Protein backbone atom coordinates (compact mmCIF):
# COMPACT_ATOMS: atom_id res chain seq x y z
CA MET A 1 65.71 123.56 88.35
CA ARG A 2 66.95 126.63 86.51
CA ARG A 3 64.39 128.61 84.63
CA SER A 4 65.30 129.48 81.06
CA PRO A 5 66.45 133.10 80.82
CA PHE A 6 64.93 133.40 77.36
CA ARG A 7 61.40 134.65 76.93
CA SER A 8 59.25 134.69 73.84
CA ALA A 9 57.92 138.05 72.76
CA PRO A 10 54.55 138.82 74.34
CA ARG A 11 51.62 138.06 72.08
CA PRO A 12 48.79 140.58 71.72
CA TRP A 13 46.43 138.81 74.11
CA ARG A 14 49.09 138.86 76.80
CA ARG A 15 49.59 142.59 76.97
CA GLY A 16 48.54 144.57 79.98
CA ALA A 17 44.89 144.20 80.94
CA PRO A 18 42.73 147.34 80.91
CA ALA A 19 42.17 149.10 84.18
CA VAL A 20 38.49 148.14 84.12
CA LEU A 21 39.50 144.53 84.77
CA ALA A 22 39.12 144.73 88.51
CA LEU A 23 38.39 141.93 90.95
CA THR A 24 37.36 138.69 89.22
CA ALA A 25 36.85 140.44 85.89
CA LEU A 26 36.12 138.13 82.96
CA ILE A 27 37.21 138.66 79.36
CA LEU A 28 35.56 136.39 76.82
CA THR A 29 37.20 135.33 73.58
CA THR A 30 35.64 132.62 71.44
CA ALA A 31 36.65 130.35 68.62
CA PRO A 32 34.46 127.91 66.65
CA ALA A 33 34.44 124.34 67.88
CA THR A 34 35.95 121.69 65.63
CA ALA A 35 34.75 118.55 67.43
CA ALA A 36 31.47 117.34 68.82
CA PRO A 37 31.34 118.20 72.51
CA THR A 38 30.12 115.98 75.30
CA ALA A 39 30.24 118.55 78.12
CA PRO A 40 26.84 119.76 79.41
CA GLY A 41 25.37 122.45 77.20
CA GLY A 42 27.82 122.17 74.33
CA HIS A 43 31.19 123.62 73.48
CA CYS A 44 32.08 126.48 75.80
CA ALA A 45 28.58 126.79 77.21
CA ARG A 46 28.33 128.80 80.43
CA LEU A 47 31.73 130.36 79.76
CA THR A 48 30.65 133.75 81.05
CA HIS A 49 29.34 132.20 84.26
CA LEU A 50 32.60 130.58 85.33
CA HIS A 51 34.24 132.09 88.36
CA VAL A 52 37.52 130.95 89.94
CA PRO A 53 37.00 131.35 93.70
CA GLY A 54 39.48 133.78 95.22
CA ALA A 55 40.87 135.01 91.90
CA GLU A 56 41.64 138.70 91.71
CA LEU A 57 41.54 138.60 87.92
CA GLN A 58 40.68 135.96 85.35
CA GLN A 59 40.44 135.68 81.57
CA ALA A 60 38.55 132.87 79.87
CA ALA A 61 38.92 131.66 76.30
CA CYS A 62 37.06 129.08 74.24
CA LEU A 63 39.72 127.18 72.27
CA ASP A 64 39.69 124.62 69.49
CA GLU A 65 42.84 123.10 71.01
CA LEU A 66 43.99 123.02 74.63
CA THR A 67 47.24 121.11 73.99
CA THR A 68 50.41 122.74 72.71
CA ALA A 69 49.41 121.59 69.22
CA GLY A 70 47.16 124.66 69.29
CA THR A 71 48.09 126.84 72.23
CA VAL A 72 51.52 127.75 70.85
CA ALA A 73 49.89 129.35 67.81
CA SER A 74 46.99 130.87 69.73
CA GLY A 75 49.29 132.33 72.38
CA HIS A 76 47.77 130.40 75.29
CA THR A 77 51.08 128.96 76.40
CA ASP A 78 54.71 130.11 76.47
CA PRO A 79 57.29 127.73 74.95
CA ALA A 80 60.05 129.48 76.90
CA ASP A 81 58.42 128.20 80.08
CA TRP A 82 58.90 124.57 79.08
CA ALA A 83 62.13 124.85 77.10
CA GLY A 84 64.63 122.12 77.95
CA LEU A 85 62.30 119.86 79.91
CA THR A 86 61.32 117.26 77.29
CA PRO A 87 63.03 115.25 74.53
CA LYS A 88 62.65 116.63 71.02
CA ASP A 89 60.99 113.45 69.74
CA LEU A 90 58.14 113.50 72.25
CA THR A 91 54.85 113.30 70.37
CA VAL A 92 52.29 116.10 70.66
CA PRO A 93 48.66 114.97 71.07
CA SER A 94 45.84 117.05 69.60
CA GLY A 95 42.06 117.16 69.23
CA VAL A 96 41.21 118.60 72.65
CA PRO A 97 38.78 121.55 72.42
CA GLY A 98 37.63 123.27 75.58
CA ILE A 99 37.98 126.24 77.91
CA GLN A 100 41.15 127.83 79.27
CA ILE A 101 41.10 130.29 82.18
CA ASP A 102 44.17 132.36 82.99
CA GLY A 103 44.34 134.64 85.99
CA TYR A 104 45.93 135.40 89.31
CA PHE A 105 45.16 135.32 93.01
CA PRO A 106 45.88 138.31 95.26
CA ASP A 107 49.63 138.67 95.86
CA THR A 108 52.16 141.41 96.52
CA SER A 109 55.11 140.19 94.43
CA THR A 110 55.55 141.01 90.75
CA THR A 111 58.13 138.70 89.20
CA ASN A 112 55.77 136.97 86.71
CA THR A 113 55.47 139.19 83.63
CA ASP A 114 53.13 136.94 81.62
CA HIS A 115 50.23 138.80 79.97
CA GLY A 116 51.87 142.08 80.99
CA TRP A 117 50.33 141.62 84.43
CA ASN A 118 53.58 141.82 86.44
CA HIS A 119 51.79 139.88 89.14
CA ASP A 120 52.61 136.59 90.84
CA ALA A 121 50.24 133.81 91.90
CA GLN A 122 49.24 133.37 88.26
CA PHE A 123 47.41 130.19 87.29
CA VAL A 124 45.99 128.38 84.28
CA ILE A 125 42.97 126.07 84.34
CA ARG A 126 42.04 124.00 81.28
CA MET A 127 38.74 122.14 80.97
CA PRO A 128 38.24 119.86 77.93
CA ASP A 129 34.84 119.33 76.35
CA ARG A 130 35.30 115.58 76.61
CA TRP A 131 35.91 115.34 80.34
CA ASN A 132 36.78 112.05 82.02
CA GLY A 133 35.74 113.31 85.46
CA GLY A 134 39.25 113.90 86.78
CA LEU A 135 41.50 116.84 87.66
CA VAL A 136 45.30 117.02 87.54
CA VAL A 137 47.02 119.76 89.54
CA ALA A 138 50.67 120.78 89.20
CA GLY A 139 53.13 123.32 90.46
CA THR A 140 56.06 124.25 88.26
CA PRO A 141 59.65 122.99 88.19
CA GLY A 142 62.51 125.24 89.11
CA ASN A 143 61.40 128.86 89.29
CA ARG A 144 59.38 128.75 86.08
CA GLU A 145 55.94 130.11 85.33
CA GLN A 146 52.57 128.40 85.04
CA TYR A 147 52.98 126.94 81.54
CA ALA A 148 56.17 125.01 82.35
CA ASN A 149 54.42 121.61 82.44
CA ASP A 150 52.49 122.05 79.21
CA ARG A 151 54.61 119.68 77.12
CA ALA A 152 55.72 117.23 79.79
CA ILE A 153 52.41 116.77 81.63
CA ALA A 154 49.45 118.87 80.46
CA ASP A 155 49.39 117.66 76.84
CA ARG A 156 49.12 114.05 77.88
CA VAL A 157 46.53 114.38 80.63
CA LEU A 158 44.34 116.75 78.61
CA ALA A 159 44.33 114.24 75.75
CA GLN A 160 43.13 111.63 78.26
CA GLY A 161 40.21 113.84 79.21
CA TYR A 162 41.44 115.32 82.49
CA ALA A 163 40.94 118.92 83.48
CA TYR A 164 44.29 120.49 84.30
CA ALA A 165 45.39 123.31 86.61
CA ALA A 166 48.85 124.78 87.26
CA THR A 167 50.29 127.61 89.32
CA ASP A 168 53.49 129.65 89.18
CA LYS A 169 53.76 128.94 92.94
CA GLY A 170 53.54 132.60 93.93
CA ASN A 171 57.03 133.77 92.90
CA THR A 172 59.21 133.16 89.86
CA GLY A 173 62.64 133.73 88.36
CA LEU A 174 66.12 133.71 89.77
CA ALA A 175 65.30 136.38 92.34
CA PHE A 176 62.34 134.45 93.79
CA HIS A 177 64.08 134.52 97.18
CA ARG A 178 63.38 138.25 97.50
CA ASP A 179 59.73 137.43 98.11
CA GLY A 180 58.62 137.14 101.73
CA LYS A 181 59.94 138.58 104.95
CA ALA A 182 61.69 135.63 106.63
CA PRO A 183 63.96 132.83 105.40
CA GLY A 184 61.87 130.10 103.82
CA ASP A 185 58.83 132.32 103.16
CA ALA A 186 59.07 132.09 99.37
CA ILE A 187 59.23 128.29 99.30
CA ALA A 188 56.52 127.97 101.94
CA GLU A 189 54.30 130.04 99.66
CA TRP A 190 54.72 127.43 96.92
CA ASN A 191 52.93 124.88 99.07
CA ASP A 192 50.14 127.29 99.95
CA ARG A 193 49.59 128.24 96.32
CA VAL A 194 49.17 124.62 95.19
CA THR A 195 46.65 124.04 97.97
CA GLN A 196 44.83 127.25 97.03
CA LEU A 197 44.67 126.34 93.34
CA THR A 198 43.49 122.81 94.01
CA ARG A 199 40.50 124.05 95.98
CA ALA A 200 39.70 126.78 93.45
CA ALA A 201 40.05 124.46 90.45
CA ARG A 202 37.75 121.86 92.00
CA ALA A 203 35.08 124.51 92.53
CA THR A 204 35.50 125.91 89.00
CA ILE A 205 35.19 122.45 87.50
CA ALA A 206 31.96 121.89 89.42
CA GLN A 207 30.61 125.05 87.79
CA ARG A 208 31.65 123.89 84.32
CA TYR A 209 30.49 120.28 84.45
CA HIS A 210 27.79 120.53 87.16
CA ARG A 211 29.62 118.10 89.42
CA PRO A 212 32.94 118.06 91.26
CA PRO A 213 35.83 115.96 89.99
CA SER A 214 35.58 112.31 90.93
CA ARG A 215 39.36 112.08 91.14
CA THR A 216 42.04 114.70 91.85
CA LEU A 217 45.70 113.88 91.20
CA VAL A 218 48.79 115.97 91.90
CA THR A 219 52.01 115.67 89.93
CA GLY A 220 55.16 117.55 88.98
CA LEU A 221 58.89 117.40 88.44
CA SER A 222 61.87 118.72 90.40
CA ASN A 223 60.62 121.51 92.68
CA ALA A 224 57.10 120.52 91.69
CA GLY A 225 57.86 116.93 92.68
CA TYR A 226 58.67 118.33 96.12
CA LEU A 227 55.24 119.98 96.08
CA VAL A 228 53.60 116.61 95.33
CA ARG A 229 55.30 115.06 98.35
CA TRP A 230 54.38 117.99 100.59
CA GLN A 231 50.74 118.04 99.50
CA LEU A 232 50.26 114.31 100.09
CA GLU A 233 51.90 114.66 103.51
CA ASN A 234 49.97 117.76 104.59
CA HIS A 235 46.71 117.83 102.59
CA PRO A 236 45.90 114.25 101.60
CA GLU A 237 42.20 115.08 101.91
CA LEU A 238 42.41 117.09 98.67
CA TYR A 239 43.89 114.35 96.49
CA ASP A 240 43.46 110.73 95.53
CA GLY A 241 47.14 110.23 94.73
CA GLY A 242 50.19 111.65 93.01
CA VAL A 243 53.25 111.13 90.84
CA ASP A 244 56.51 112.66 92.07
CA TRP A 245 59.10 113.13 89.33
CA GLU A 246 62.54 113.62 90.94
CA GLY A 247 61.21 115.90 93.66
CA THR A 248 63.63 118.13 95.57
CA LEU A 249 64.33 116.82 99.08
CA TRP A 250 64.37 119.26 101.98
CA ARG A 251 65.44 117.97 105.41
CA ALA A 252 66.67 120.14 108.25
CA ASP A 253 69.47 117.71 109.12
CA GLY A 254 70.23 116.93 105.48
CA PRO A 255 70.80 115.75 102.95
CA ASN A 256 69.64 118.72 100.93
CA LEU A 257 71.11 120.69 98.07
CA LEU A 258 72.76 123.19 100.42
CA ASP A 259 74.83 120.26 101.66
CA PHE A 260 75.99 118.50 98.49
CA LEU A 261 76.19 121.26 95.85
CA PRO A 262 79.05 123.19 97.56
CA LYS A 263 81.05 119.95 97.63
CA ALA A 264 80.64 119.67 93.87
CA LEU A 265 81.63 123.30 93.40
CA ARG A 266 84.86 122.65 95.32
CA ALA A 267 85.80 119.27 93.86
CA HIS A 268 84.85 119.53 90.21
CA PRO A 269 87.37 122.19 89.13
CA VAL A 270 90.16 120.06 90.58
CA TYR A 271 88.82 116.99 88.78
CA ALA A 272 88.44 118.89 85.49
CA ALA A 273 91.98 120.26 85.69
CA GLY A 274 93.47 116.78 85.74
CA GLY A 275 96.82 116.18 87.37
CA ASP A 276 97.65 114.57 90.67
CA GLY A 277 94.51 115.67 92.49
CA ALA A 278 91.98 114.66 89.84
CA GLU A 279 91.32 111.12 91.06
CA GLU A 280 90.84 112.22 94.65
CA ALA A 281 88.47 114.97 93.48
CA ARG A 282 86.46 112.39 91.53
CA ARG A 283 86.17 110.28 94.69
CA GLN A 284 85.00 113.36 96.56
CA MET A 285 82.31 113.94 93.94
CA HIS A 286 81.11 110.37 94.31
CA ALA A 287 81.16 110.66 98.09
CA ALA A 288 79.01 113.80 97.81
CA GLY A 289 76.42 111.71 95.95
CA PHE A 290 77.14 112.41 92.30
CA PRO A 291 76.82 108.99 90.71
CA GLU A 292 79.60 107.07 89.08
CA GLY A 293 79.02 107.16 85.36
CA SER A 294 77.65 110.71 85.41
CA GLU A 295 81.08 112.31 84.91
CA PHE A 296 80.27 113.32 81.32
CA LEU A 297 77.44 115.49 82.70
CA TRP A 298 79.55 117.34 85.27
CA PRO A 299 81.02 120.08 83.02
CA TYR A 300 77.55 121.14 81.88
CA HIS A 301 76.15 121.15 85.40
CA HIS A 302 79.16 123.03 86.75
CA LYS A 303 78.67 125.71 84.11
CA VAL A 304 74.87 125.95 84.21
CA TYR A 305 73.29 124.54 87.36
CA TRP A 306 75.36 123.92 90.48
CA ASP A 307 76.52 127.42 91.39
CA LEU A 308 73.29 129.12 90.38
CA THR A 309 71.09 126.60 92.21
CA GLN A 310 73.19 126.68 95.37
CA ARG A 311 73.27 130.45 95.37
CA ILE A 312 69.56 131.22 94.98
CA TYR A 313 68.38 128.61 97.51
CA ARG A 314 71.04 129.65 99.98
CA GLU A 315 69.81 133.23 99.56
CA GLU A 316 66.31 132.00 100.38
CA LEU A 317 67.17 129.86 103.40
CA ASP A 318 70.43 131.36 104.70
CA PRO A 319 70.57 135.00 103.56
CA GLY A 320 72.94 135.89 106.37
CA PHE A 321 75.80 133.79 104.99
CA ASP A 322 77.49 136.43 102.83
CA GLY A 323 80.32 138.28 104.36
CA ALA A 324 82.54 137.12 107.20
CA THR A 325 84.86 134.47 108.49
CA GLU A 326 84.75 133.21 112.05
CA ALA A 327 87.11 136.07 112.94
CA GLY A 328 84.54 138.53 111.68
CA THR A 329 86.47 139.85 108.69
CA PRO A 330 84.90 139.88 105.22
CA TYR A 331 86.15 137.12 102.98
CA CYS A 332 83.88 137.49 99.95
CA ALA A 333 81.43 139.96 98.50
CA THR A 334 77.83 139.03 97.84
CA GLY A 335 77.71 136.99 94.66
CA ALA A 336 81.44 136.30 94.52
CA PRO A 337 82.21 132.74 93.39
CA ALA A 338 84.04 131.88 96.62
CA CYS A 339 80.97 132.44 98.79
CA ASP A 340 78.94 129.37 97.92
CA THR A 341 81.95 127.27 97.02
CA ASP A 342 83.01 127.56 100.65
CA TYR A 343 79.54 127.09 102.10
CA ASP A 344 79.28 124.43 104.83
CA TYR A 345 75.68 123.71 105.81
CA ALA A 346 76.69 121.58 108.80
CA THR A 347 78.39 124.52 110.51
CA ARG A 348 75.69 127.12 109.90
CA PRO A 349 73.65 128.55 112.80
CA ASP A 350 70.57 126.77 114.12
CA GLU A 351 68.25 129.33 112.55
CA VAL A 352 69.27 128.04 109.11
CA ARG A 353 68.07 124.54 109.96
CA GLN A 354 64.94 126.09 111.45
CA ALA A 355 64.24 127.79 108.12
CA VAL A 356 64.68 124.49 106.28
CA ALA A 357 62.49 122.76 108.87
CA ARG A 358 59.62 125.07 107.86
CA ILE A 359 59.53 123.47 104.41
CA ALA A 360 60.91 120.03 105.28
CA LEU A 361 59.38 116.70 104.29
CA THR A 362 58.52 113.88 106.69
CA GLY A 363 57.61 110.89 104.52
CA ARG A 364 54.16 110.69 106.15
CA ILE A 365 52.15 110.56 102.93
CA GLY A 366 48.43 110.02 103.25
CA LYS A 367 47.54 108.90 99.71
CA PRO A 368 49.22 106.65 97.09
CA LEU A 369 52.39 108.11 95.62
CA ILE A 370 54.65 106.97 92.77
CA THR A 371 58.18 108.42 92.70
CA LEU A 372 60.52 108.42 89.67
CA HIS A 373 64.16 109.45 89.66
CA GLY A 374 66.99 108.99 87.16
CA THR A 375 70.10 107.15 88.29
CA LEU A 376 72.33 109.68 86.48
CA ASP A 377 70.75 112.80 87.94
CA ALA A 378 73.67 115.21 88.33
CA LEU A 379 71.72 118.06 89.90
CA LEU A 380 69.74 116.25 92.61
CA PRO A 381 71.73 113.02 92.97
CA ILE A 382 69.45 110.06 93.52
CA SER A 383 71.35 108.75 96.56
CA ARG A 384 70.88 112.11 98.30
CA ASP A 385 67.29 112.59 97.27
CA SER A 386 64.70 109.99 96.29
CA ASP A 387 66.60 107.05 97.82
CA VAL A 388 66.41 108.97 101.09
CA TYR A 389 62.78 109.96 100.64
CA ALA A 390 61.73 106.38 99.93
CA ARG A 391 63.42 105.34 103.17
CA MET A 392 61.61 108.15 105.01
CA VAL A 393 58.26 106.89 103.72
CA ARG A 394 59.03 103.35 104.87
CA GLU A 395 60.22 104.53 108.28
CA ALA A 396 57.03 106.56 108.65
CA GLY A 397 55.04 103.35 108.16
CA ARG A 398 53.62 104.49 104.81
CA GLY A 399 55.49 102.13 102.49
CA PHE A 400 52.23 100.45 101.46
CA LEU A 401 51.23 103.76 99.84
CA HIS A 402 54.47 104.18 97.87
CA ARG A 403 56.13 102.89 94.73
CA TYR A 404 59.62 104.07 93.84
CA TYR A 405 61.28 103.54 90.45
CA ARG A 406 64.95 104.29 89.89
CA ILE A 407 65.16 104.91 86.13
CA GLU A 408 68.51 103.69 84.80
CA GLY A 409 70.17 106.26 82.57
CA GLY A 410 67.77 109.07 83.47
CA THR A 411 69.02 112.54 84.36
CA HIS A 412 67.41 115.71 85.67
CA THR A 413 66.32 117.40 82.43
CA ASP A 414 65.24 115.46 79.37
CA SER A 415 66.75 117.87 76.84
CA LEU A 416 70.13 116.43 77.82
CA VAL A 417 69.03 113.16 76.21
CA ASP A 418 69.27 114.95 72.87
CA ALA A 419 72.55 116.63 73.80
CA PHE A 420 74.17 113.26 74.66
CA PRO A 421 72.59 110.78 72.24
CA GLY A 422 72.87 107.13 73.23
CA ARG A 423 74.01 107.89 76.79
CA LEU A 424 70.78 108.86 78.57
CA ARG A 425 67.08 108.07 78.59
CA PRO A 426 64.17 110.50 79.05
CA LEU A 427 61.93 110.35 82.09
CA THR A 428 58.90 111.95 80.40
CA PRO A 429 57.53 108.64 79.02
CA CYS A 430 58.22 106.99 82.38
CA HIS A 431 56.07 109.66 84.00
CA HIS A 432 53.29 108.84 81.54
CA THR A 433 53.53 105.15 82.41
CA ALA A 434 53.63 105.91 86.12
CA PHE A 435 50.54 108.07 85.77
CA THR A 436 48.69 105.21 84.07
CA ALA A 437 49.86 102.85 86.82
CA LEU A 438 48.51 105.25 89.46
CA GLU A 439 45.15 105.37 87.67
CA SER A 440 44.96 101.58 87.74
CA TRP A 441 46.04 101.47 91.38
CA LEU A 442 43.26 103.87 92.35
CA GLY A 443 40.64 102.58 89.96
CA THR A 444 40.94 98.80 90.25
CA GLY A 445 43.24 98.28 93.21
CA HIS A 446 45.84 96.69 90.93
CA ARG A 447 49.17 97.58 92.47
CA PRO A 448 51.96 98.83 90.20
CA PRO A 449 55.11 96.75 89.71
CA ALA A 450 57.31 96.42 92.77
CA SER A 451 59.67 99.27 93.56
CA GLY A 452 63.16 98.92 92.14
CA THR A 453 65.47 99.89 89.31
CA VAL A 454 64.06 100.02 85.79
CA ALA A 455 66.78 98.81 83.45
CA LEU A 456 67.55 100.65 80.23
CA SER A 457 67.01 98.41 77.21
CA ALA A 458 69.74 98.67 74.62
CA GLY A 459 69.16 99.52 70.98
CA GLN A 460 65.99 101.60 71.20
CA ASP A 461 65.65 104.32 68.59
CA PRO A 462 65.22 107.91 69.87
CA VAL A 463 61.53 108.19 68.93
CA THR A 464 60.64 104.97 70.75
CA LEU A 465 62.75 105.98 73.74
CA ALA A 466 61.04 109.38 73.92
CA ASN A 467 57.54 107.90 73.92
CA SER A 468 57.59 104.58 75.80
CA CYS A 469 58.78 103.30 79.16
CA SER A 470 58.07 100.14 81.13
CA LEU A 471 58.17 100.23 84.92
CA ASP A 472 58.90 96.53 85.19
CA THR A 473 61.67 96.10 87.72
CA GLY A 474 61.82 92.32 87.35
CA LYS A 475 60.51 91.85 90.90
CA GLY A 476 56.95 90.85 90.14
CA GLY A 477 53.77 92.72 90.96
CA ALA A 478 52.10 93.83 94.10
CA SER A 479 54.60 93.63 96.94
CA SER A 480 55.42 96.80 98.86
């Protein structure tokens, strides 16, 4: 969930827009087409007539290549946004000319520095010449910006002919929690921004292709997986279905990351130190949800993810925590390591649970949903996240709309597959397979394989592992 702190240098087209670019201004840049178009009117026709409803500013470009095979060189993506999310051997499709629109909706926060705009609520919409009639919408994982899904999701769906739209969710970076006035405001905005972009992208696509999309799908990983769940619970009328890739679970009564991450922060140093207390600390880690067999991932997560993640989401949902014991005397300064190590969600005031309740999930999905989660996820442990969400969906009476695949050997970020060769498997190709399964489910009524655990086949070479995944759980086909 952590956004990479490294940023690529701004390219010329990204620098600050001139002052004359006021409301819904349009800048046109063109490049010659390299493939025969099938969109009405030819390659990039009607470019100057496209208008993203509600946008405060937009820039449109006619590109030879909408995938990262071309957008890295042309400057229409940012590799720093998607760093660490995919395995190095993932193939890059190409041959997708079309139109890209970048812009932003009205907003008051300024954490997103892309294009020199210093303006949040940025979005990207990509419309291929060879359109299959569909639209894929995504929020971003962690606190990243709007290009974060370009390698993991956008490349693949654009190559299949889908239009694609993504949003930065309205606030970015490690200080995202400073946006908004009340606890939970920043995360609640994420949901609103995905809804806003979906409606705007559908209207823009109708302008481009002279008809609305025949199918709209929502997908994303980590925080964006949470957004998929929330959208299908709260705005099913906008979508035909979705794929949730290890979505973050928020529940007022837990489990949630404010509950299990402090337990890891307390127990792991004792485990890592060895000695008499190490075995008990390991048991405490397992009891907190961190799966047996994931121990080799704990040092990395303790160094990089657990403290940072706990801290920024606690700042968002429980900003009043810093400062005092029950006796009213200060016991740690803001940002001191002891603060979140000692955090106990169960004993926090009711207003904290009320803040979480604002963004909480219910399981009451209204359209088909496929969920994927790795069994060795050491940031959002599967037993405290997607196992729970799948049960929530069943208890809400919506199990017939859900498929849930526990991916053996998968962890939270696919770059760790390369860091620990032979010990993990990437989830990116499983997402691709799940997306195809959702298409079949919606298009022909053929239900995906039954929910269950997808075993990791031994002996696969890294390239094959990075680009293929079966969802066969060994349970047969269409049962719920």
